[in-house]
Amino acid sequence: MPSRPLDDSPRSLPKPAAGDRRDFFRIEDHIGLELRRVSPGHPEDQNPFVGDHLDSLQAEWRRLDQDVRSQLATLAERDRLLTSLIKSMNGKLDTLARIMAFQQNPLQPEDWQDVTLSEGGLAFDGKSNAWAEGELLAIRMTLPPELFQPQAFAKVIEIIANDTGGARVHTEFTDIHDSDRQQIARHVMRWQIRQRQNE
């Protein structure tokens, strides 16, 4: 089973024990969903989605972003107004980077699916014979409108067939980087806010 996150960072969250799993808030959403079946012998440090010539630049972008965030913590003690401005500019650059990355590799219409999403996993529709319980998947999501692209390894825990030959495939994240889980958490929170505003 893979033990490293898909972005090749050394930090990942351990899988919660069965008796200690948190109940995550679930939302019904329409997201970009890319799935890769992971074989038992898959190298633990290999990203199944690697192949993009921009991967090295994106890794450098993440490193620089982490540097900015750490320096902002120090600057906040001296100048709150300047810190706020830099945070806004950093957020604007993050959004621009996501837009450019998405335009570089746009998803096809069939890659957008209705899913049930939480910080703990997701469920999606598929053919009843396409997946098997216990199977390990690599997942990359595109979450609109922010265009976050969290990635995770997930295990198929349940397949519920329907009368049309399809099935609802339920998965649980088994290896997900903390920053990816935070992206999902922010997306879920903003989804809740939008739902309340539309009521």
C-alpha atoms as a PDB file:
ATOM      1  CA  MET A   1       0.000   0.000   0.000  1.00  0.00           C
ATOM      2  CA  PRO A   2       1.410   3.430  -0.905  1.00  0.00           C
ATOM      3  CA  SER A   3       2.714   5.361   2.042  1.00  0.00           C
ATOM      4  CA  ARG A   4       3.615   8.645   0.383  1.00  0.00           C
ATOM      5  CA  PRO A   5       1.327  11.353  -0.974  1.00  0.00           C
ATOM      6  CA  LEU A   6       0.959  11.817  -4.688  1.00  0.00           C
ATOM      7  CA  ASP A   7       2.810  15.124  -4.755  1.00  0.00           C
ATOM      8  CA  ASP A   8       6.041  13.387  -3.631  1.00  0.00           C
ATOM      9  CA  SER A   9       6.108  15.348  -0.378  1.00  0.00           C
ATOM     10  CA  PRO A  10       7.413  13.361   2.605  1.00  0.00           C
ATOM     11  CA  ARG A  11       4.432  14.230   4.828  1.00  0.00           C
ATOM     12  CA  SER A  12       1.160  12.335   4.791  1.00  0.00           C
ATOM     13  CA  LEU A  13      -1.617  11.665   7.226  1.00  0.00           C
ATOM     14  CA  PRO A  14      -1.781   8.223   8.821  1.00  0.00           C
ATOM     15  CA  LYS A  15      -4.950   6.250   8.243  1.00  0.00           C
ATOM     16  CA  PRO A  16      -7.225   6.573  11.289  1.00  0.00           C
ATOM     17  CA  ALA A  17      -7.881   3.428  13.268  1.00  0.00           C
ATOM     18  CA  ALA A  18     -11.249   1.835  12.577  1.00  0.00           C
ATOM     19  CA  GLY A  19     -12.631   2.782  15.969  1.00  0.00           C
ATOM     20  CA  ASP A  20     -11.306   6.363  15.820  1.00  0.00           C
ATOM     21  CA  ARG A  21     -12.503   7.484  12.401  1.00  0.00           C
ATOM     22  CA  ARG A  22     -14.120  10.887  12.392  1.00  0.00           C
ATOM     23  CA  ASP A  23     -17.502  11.434  10.809  1.00  0.00           C
ATOM     24  CA  PHE A  24     -16.875  13.919   8.014  1.00  0.00           C
ATOM     25  CA  PHE A  25     -19.529  16.205   6.593  1.00  0.00           C
ATOM     26  CA  ARG A  26     -20.499  14.948   3.126  1.00  0.00           C
ATOM     27  CA  ILE A  27     -21.666  17.012   0.175  1.00  0.00           C
ATOM     28  CA  GLU A  28     -23.225  16.124  -3.170  1.00  0.00           C
ATOM     29  CA  ASP A  29     -21.180  17.886  -5.831  1.00  0.00           C
ATOM     30  CA  HIS A  30     -20.241  17.851  -9.522  1.00  0.00           C
ATOM     31  CA  ILE A  31     -16.457  17.671  -9.841  1.00  0.00           C
ATOM     32  CA  GLY A  32     -13.690  16.649 -12.210  1.00  0.00           C
ATOM     33  CA  LEU A  33     -12.671  13.101 -11.342  1.00  0.00           C
ATOM     34  CA  GLU A  34      -9.629  11.220 -12.640  1.00  0.00           C
ATOM     35  CA  LEU A  35      -9.093   7.644 -11.499  1.00  0.00           C
ATOM     36  CA  ARG A  36      -6.114   5.314 -11.858  1.00  0.00           C
ATOM     37  CA  ARG A  37      -6.126   1.698 -10.734  1.00  0.00           C
ATOM     38  CA  VAL A  38      -3.069   1.054  -8.547  1.00  0.00           C
ATOM     39  CA  SER A  39      -1.465  -2.387  -8.682  1.00  0.00           C
ATOM     40  CA  PRO A  40      -0.185  -4.014  -5.453  1.00  0.00           C
ATOM     41  CA  GLY A  41       3.396  -3.673  -6.682  1.00  0.00           C
ATOM     42  CA  HIS A  42       3.100   0.010  -7.528  1.00  0.00           C
ATOM     43  CA  PRO A  43       6.185   1.967  -6.325  1.00  0.00           C
ATOM     44  CA  GLU A  44       5.304   3.862  -3.162  1.00  0.00           C
ATOM     45  CA  ASP A  45       6.940   7.109  -4.265  1.00  0.00           C
ATOM     46  CA  GLN A  46       5.597   7.163  -7.830  1.00  0.00           C
ATOM     47  CA  ASN A  47       2.800   9.542  -8.760  1.00  0.00           C
ATOM     48  CA  PRO A  48       0.342   7.811 -11.141  1.00  0.00           C
ATOM     49  CA  PHE A  49      -0.536  11.210 -12.628  1.00  0.00           C
ATOM     50  CA  VAL A  50       3.079  12.146 -13.449  1.00  0.00           C
ATOM     51  CA  GLY A  51       3.730  12.879 -17.098  1.00  0.00           C
ATOM     52  CA  ASP A  52       2.984  16.549 -17.223  1.00  0.00           C
ATOM     53  CA  HIS A  53       6.046  18.550 -18.290  1.00  0.00           C
ATOM     54  CA  LEU A  54       5.020  21.228 -15.774  1.00  0.00           C
ATOM     55  CA  ASP A  55       5.365  18.936 -12.742  1.00  0.00           C
ATOM     56  CA  SER A  56       8.802  20.266 -11.766  1.00  0.00           C
ATOM     57  CA  LEU A  57       7.599  23.864 -12.024  1.00  0.00           C
ATOM     58  CA  GLN A  58       4.553  23.050  -9.915  1.00  0.00           C
ATOM     59  CA  ALA A  59       6.793  21.508  -7.252  1.00  0.00           C
ATOM     60  CA  GLU A  60       8.893  24.690  -7.223  1.00  0.00           C
ATOM     61  CA  TRP A  61       5.705  26.757  -6.995  1.00  0.00           C
ATOM     62  CA  ARG A  62       4.616  24.808  -3.905  1.00  0.00           C
ATOM     63  CA  ARG A  63       8.036  25.313  -2.297  1.00  0.00           C
ATOM     64  CA  LEU A  64       7.971  29.074  -2.895  1.00  0.00           C
ATOM     65  CA  ASP A  65       4.400  29.292  -1.646  1.00  0.00           C
ATOM     66  CA  GLN A  66       5.408  27.577   1.589  1.00  0.00           C
ATOM     67  CA  ASP A  67       8.277  30.067   1.976  1.00  0.00           C
ATOM     68  CA  VAL A  68       5.893  33.005   1.553  1.00  0.00           C
ATOM     69  CA  ARG A  69       3.455  31.612   4.106  1.00  0.00           C
ATOM     70  CA  SER A  70       6.159  31.069   6.711  1.00  0.00           C
ATOM     71  CA  GLN A  71       7.501  34.608   6.239  1.00  0.00           C
ATOM     72  CA  LEU A  72       4.028  36.091   6.473  1.00  0.00           C
ATOM     73  CA  ALA A  73       3.698  34.719   9.987  1.00  0.00           C
ATOM     74  CA  THR A  74       6.726  36.775  11.036  1.00  0.00           C
ATOM     75  CA  LEU A  75       5.648  39.867   9.115  1.00  0.00           C
ATOM     76  CA  ALA A  76       2.193  39.803  10.736  1.00  0.00           C
ATOM     77  CA  GLU A  77       3.780  40.735  14.062  1.00  0.00           C
ATOM     78  CA  ARG A  78       5.174  43.953  12.562  1.00  0.00           C
ATOM     79  CA  ASP A  79       2.706  45.168   9.946  1.00  0.00           C
ATOM     80  CA  ARG A  80      -0.811  43.737   9.794  1.00  0.00           C
ATOM     81  CA  LEU A  81      -1.915  45.897   6.847  1.00  0.00           C
ATOM     82  CA  LEU A  82       1.032  44.878   4.671  1.00  0.00           C
ATOM     83  CA  THR A  83       0.525  41.239   5.672  1.00  0.00           C
ATOM     84  CA  SER A  84      -3.115  41.400   4.614  1.00  0.00           C
ATOM     85  CA  LEU A  85      -2.169  42.896   1.252  1.00  0.00           C
ATOM     86  CA  ILE A  86       0.486  40.254   0.590  1.00  0.00           C
ATOM     87  CA  LYS A  87      -1.961  37.484   1.526  1.00  0.00           C
ATOM     88  CA  SER A  88      -4.454  38.876  -0.987  1.00  0.00           C
ATOM     89  CA  MET A  89      -1.804  39.076  -3.711  1.00  0.00           C
ATOM     90  CA  ASN A  90      -0.617  35.551  -2.897  1.00  0.00           C
ATOM     91  CA  GLY A  91      -4.203  34.284  -3.142  1.00  0.00           C
ATOM     92  CA  LYS A  92      -4.632  36.050  -6.468  1.00  0.00           C
ATOM     93  CA  LEU A  93      -1.473  34.404  -7.827  1.00  0.00           C
ATOM     94  CA  ASP A  94      -2.641  30.999  -6.558  1.00  0.00           C
ATOM     95  CA  THR A  95      -5.937  31.399  -8.399  1.00  0.00           C
ATOM     96  CA  LEU A  96      -4.181  32.490 -11.587  1.00  0.00           C
ATOM     97  CA  ALA A  97      -1.854  29.478 -11.383  1.00  0.00           C
ATOM     98  CA  ARG A  98      -4.800  27.084 -11.004  1.00  0.00           C
ATOM     99  CA  ILE A  99      -6.585  28.646 -13.980  1.00  0.00           C
ATOM    100  CA  MET A 100      -3.489  28.373 -16.157  1.00  0.00           C
ATOM    101  CA  ALA A 101      -2.840  24.762 -15.113  1.00  0.00           C
ATOM    102  CA  PHE A 102      -6.450  23.845 -15.841  1.00  0.00           C
ATOM    103  CA  GLN A 103      -6.338  25.503 -19.253  1.00  0.00           C
ATOM    104  CA  GLN A 104      -3.135  23.601 -20.023  1.00  0.00           C
ATOM    105  CA  ASN A 105      -4.788  20.236 -19.286  1.00  0.00           C
ATOM    106  CA  PRO A 106      -8.574  20.671 -19.581  1.00  0.00           C
ATOM    107  CA  LEU A 107     -10.788  17.790 -18.512  1.00  0.00           C
ATOM    108  CA  GLN A 108     -13.107  16.160 -21.018  1.00  0.00           C
ATOM    109  CA  PRO A 109     -16.893  16.300 -20.426  1.00  0.00           C
ATOM    110  CA  GLU A 110     -16.948  12.649 -19.331  1.00  0.00           C
ATOM    111  CA  ASP A 111     -14.403  13.438 -16.590  1.00  0.00           C
ATOM    112  CA  TRP A 112     -16.991  15.532 -14.716  1.00  0.00           C
ATOM    113  CA  GLN A 113     -19.144  13.458 -12.385  1.00  0.00           C
ATOM    114  CA  ASP A 114     -21.680  13.748  -9.608  1.00  0.00           C
ATOM    115  CA  VAL A 115     -20.031  12.521  -6.425  1.00  0.00           C
ATOM    116  CA  THR A 116     -20.498  12.404  -2.680  1.00  0.00           C
ATOM    117  CA  LEU A 117     -17.394  14.007  -1.199  1.00  0.00           C
ATOM    118  CA  SER A 118     -15.935  14.390   2.279  1.00  0.00           C
ATOM    119  CA  GLU A 119     -12.509  14.694   3.853  1.00  0.00           C
ATOM    120  CA  GLY A 120     -12.585  10.946   4.431  1.00  0.00           C
ATOM    121  CA  GLY A 121     -13.389   9.715   0.930  1.00  0.00           C
ATOM    122  CA  LEU A 122     -15.808   9.906  -1.952  1.00  0.00           C
ATOM    123  CA  ALA A 123     -18.464   7.912  -3.773  1.00  0.00           C
ATOM    124  CA  PHE A 124     -19.019   7.958  -7.521  1.00  0.00           C
ATOM    125  CA  ASP A 125     -21.054   6.141 -10.161  1.00  0.00           C
ATOM    126  CA  GLY A 126     -19.520   3.480 -12.362  1.00  0.00           C
ATOM    127  CA  LYS A 127     -20.186   0.144 -13.982  1.00  0.00           C
ATOM    128  CA  SER A 128     -20.879  -2.597 -11.463  1.00  0.00           C
ATOM    129  CA  ASN A 129     -18.110  -4.813 -12.850  1.00  0.00           C
ATOM    130  CA  ALA A 130     -15.514  -2.058 -13.328  1.00  0.00           C
ATOM    131  CA  TRP A 131     -14.238  -2.051  -9.731  1.00  0.00           C
ATOM    132  CA  ALA A 132     -13.785  -4.532  -6.921  1.00  0.00           C
ATOM    133  CA  GLU A 133     -13.981  -4.129  -3.160  1.00  0.00           C
ATOM    134  CA  GLY A 134     -10.526  -3.781  -1.633  1.00  0.00           C
ATOM    135  CA  GLU A 135      -9.073  -2.349  -4.830  1.00  0.00           C
ATOM    136  CA  LEU A 136      -6.670   0.583  -4.487  1.00  0.00           C
ATOM    137  CA  LEU A 137      -7.185   3.704  -6.610  1.00  0.00           C
ATOM    138  CA  ALA A 138      -5.228   6.877  -7.231  1.00  0.00           C
ATOM    139  CA  ILE A 139      -7.639   9.801  -7.399  1.00  0.00           C
ATOM    140  CA  ARG A 140      -7.225  13.352  -8.644  1.00  0.00           C
ATOM    141  CA  MET A 141     -10.137  15.740  -8.185  1.00  0.00           C
ATOM    142  CA  THR A 142     -10.818  19.146  -9.721  1.00  0.00           C
ATOM    143  CA  LEU A 143     -13.035  21.170  -7.388  1.00  0.00           C
ATOM    144  CA  PRO A 144     -14.841  24.140  -8.951  1.00  0.00           C
ATOM    145  CA  PRO A 145     -15.010  27.052  -8.785  1.00  0.00           C
ATOM    146  CA  GLU A 146     -11.601  27.287  -7.047  1.00  0.00           C
ATOM    147  CA  LEU A 147     -10.115  24.584  -9.342  1.00  0.00           C
ATOM    148  CA  PHE A 148      -8.261  22.981  -6.458  1.00  0.00           C
ATOM    149  CA  GLN A 149      -6.802  19.629  -7.536  1.00  0.00           C
ATOM    150  CA  PRO A 150      -6.318  17.482  -4.416  1.00  0.00           C
ATOM    151  CA  GLN A 151      -4.970  13.970  -4.908  1.00  0.00           C
ATOM    152  CA  ALA A 152      -5.178  10.855  -2.774  1.00  0.00           C
ATOM    153  CA  PHE A 153      -4.916   7.105  -2.701  1.00  0.00           C
ATOM    154  CA  ALA A 154      -8.222   5.475  -1.826  1.00  0.00           C
ATOM    155  CA  LYS A 155      -9.547   1.985  -1.167  1.00  0.00           C
ATOM    156  CA  VAL A 156     -12.854   0.726  -2.559  1.00  0.00           C
ATOM    157  CA  ILE A 157     -14.847  -0.236   0.530  1.00  0.00           C
ATOM    158  CA  GLU A 158     -18.313  -0.864  -0.938  1.00  0.00           C
ATOM    159  CA  ILE A 159     -20.011  -1.278  -4.303  1.00  0.00           C
ATOM    160  CA  ILE A 160     -23.803  -0.942  -4.443  1.00  0.00           C
ATOM    161  CA  ALA A 161     -25.262  -2.151  -7.739  1.00  0.00           C
ATOM    162  CA  ASN A 162     -28.428  -0.675  -9.219  1.00  0.00           C
ATOM    163  CA  ASP A 163     -31.037  -2.007 -11.642  1.00  0.00           C
ATOM    164  CA  THR A 164     -29.451  -0.412 -14.723  1.00  0.00           C
ATOM    165  CA  GLY A 165     -26.139  -2.283 -14.613  1.00  0.00           C
ATOM    166  CA  GLY A 166     -24.350   0.538 -12.842  1.00  0.00           C
ATOM    167  CA  ALA A 167     -23.175   0.918  -9.276  1.00  0.00           C
ATOM    168  CA  ARG A 168     -22.305   3.441  -6.629  1.00  0.00           C
ATOM    169  CA  VAL A 169     -18.652   2.962  -5.707  1.00  0.00           C
ATOM    170  CA  HIS A 170     -17.722   4.050  -2.180  1.00  0.00           C
ATOM    171  CA  THR A 171     -14.077   4.745  -1.394  1.00  0.00           C
ATOM    172  CA  GLU A 172     -12.077   5.749   1.658  1.00  0.00           C
ATOM    173  CA  PHE A 173      -8.899   7.816   1.481  1.00  0.00           C
ATOM    174  CA  THR A 174      -5.994   5.720   2.738  1.00  0.00           C
ATOM    175  CA  ASP A 175      -3.134   8.139   1.980  1.00  0.00           C
ATOM    176  CA  ILE A 176      -3.705  11.858   1.548  1.00  0.00           C
ATOM    177  CA  HIS A 177      -1.403  14.810   2.112  1.00  0.00           C
ATOM    178  CA  ASP A 178      -2.496  17.272   4.783  1.00  0.00           C
ATOM    179  CA  SER A 179      -2.645  20.159   2.276  1.00  0.00           C
ATOM    180  CA  ASP A 180      -4.900  18.105  -0.021  1.00  0.00           C
ATOM    181  CA  ARG A 181      -7.230  17.269   2.840  1.00  0.00           C
ATOM    182  CA  GLN A 182      -7.339  20.967   3.762  1.00  0.00           C
ATOM    183  CA  GLN A 183      -8.289  21.837   0.179  1.00  0.00           C
ATOM    184  CA  ILE A 184     -11.200  19.406   0.395  1.00  0.00           C
ATOM    185  CA  ALA A 185     -12.205  20.819   3.788  1.00  0.00           C
ATOM    186  CA  ARG A 186     -12.202  24.389   2.428  1.00  0.00           C
ATOM    187  CA  HIS A 187     -14.196  23.284  -0.607  1.00  0.00           C
ATOM    188  CA  VAL A 188     -16.799  21.561   1.583  1.00  0.00           C
ATOM    189  CA  MET A 189     -17.060  24.633   3.833  1.00  0.00           C
ATOM    190  CA  ARG A 190     -17.519  26.997   0.873  1.00  0.00           C
ATOM    191  CA  TRP A 191     -20.095  24.635  -0.626  1.00  0.00           C
ATOM    192  CA  GLN A 192     -22.059  24.826   2.633  1.00  0.00           C
ATOM    193  CA  ILE A 193     -21.877  28.633   2.613  1.00  0.00           C
ATOM    194  CA  ARG A 194     -23.143  28.802  -0.974  1.00  0.00           C
ATOM    195  CA  GLN A 195     -26.004  26.443  -0.147  1.00  0.00           C
ATOM    196  CA  ARG A 196     -27.072  28.650   2.769  1.00  0.00           C
ATOM    197  CA  GLN A 197     -26.919  31.759   0.605  1.00  0.00           C
ATOM    198  CA  ASN A 198     -29.171  30.109  -1.993  1.00  0.00           C
ATOM    199  CA  GLU A 199     -31.822  29.106   0.545  1.00  0.00           C
END
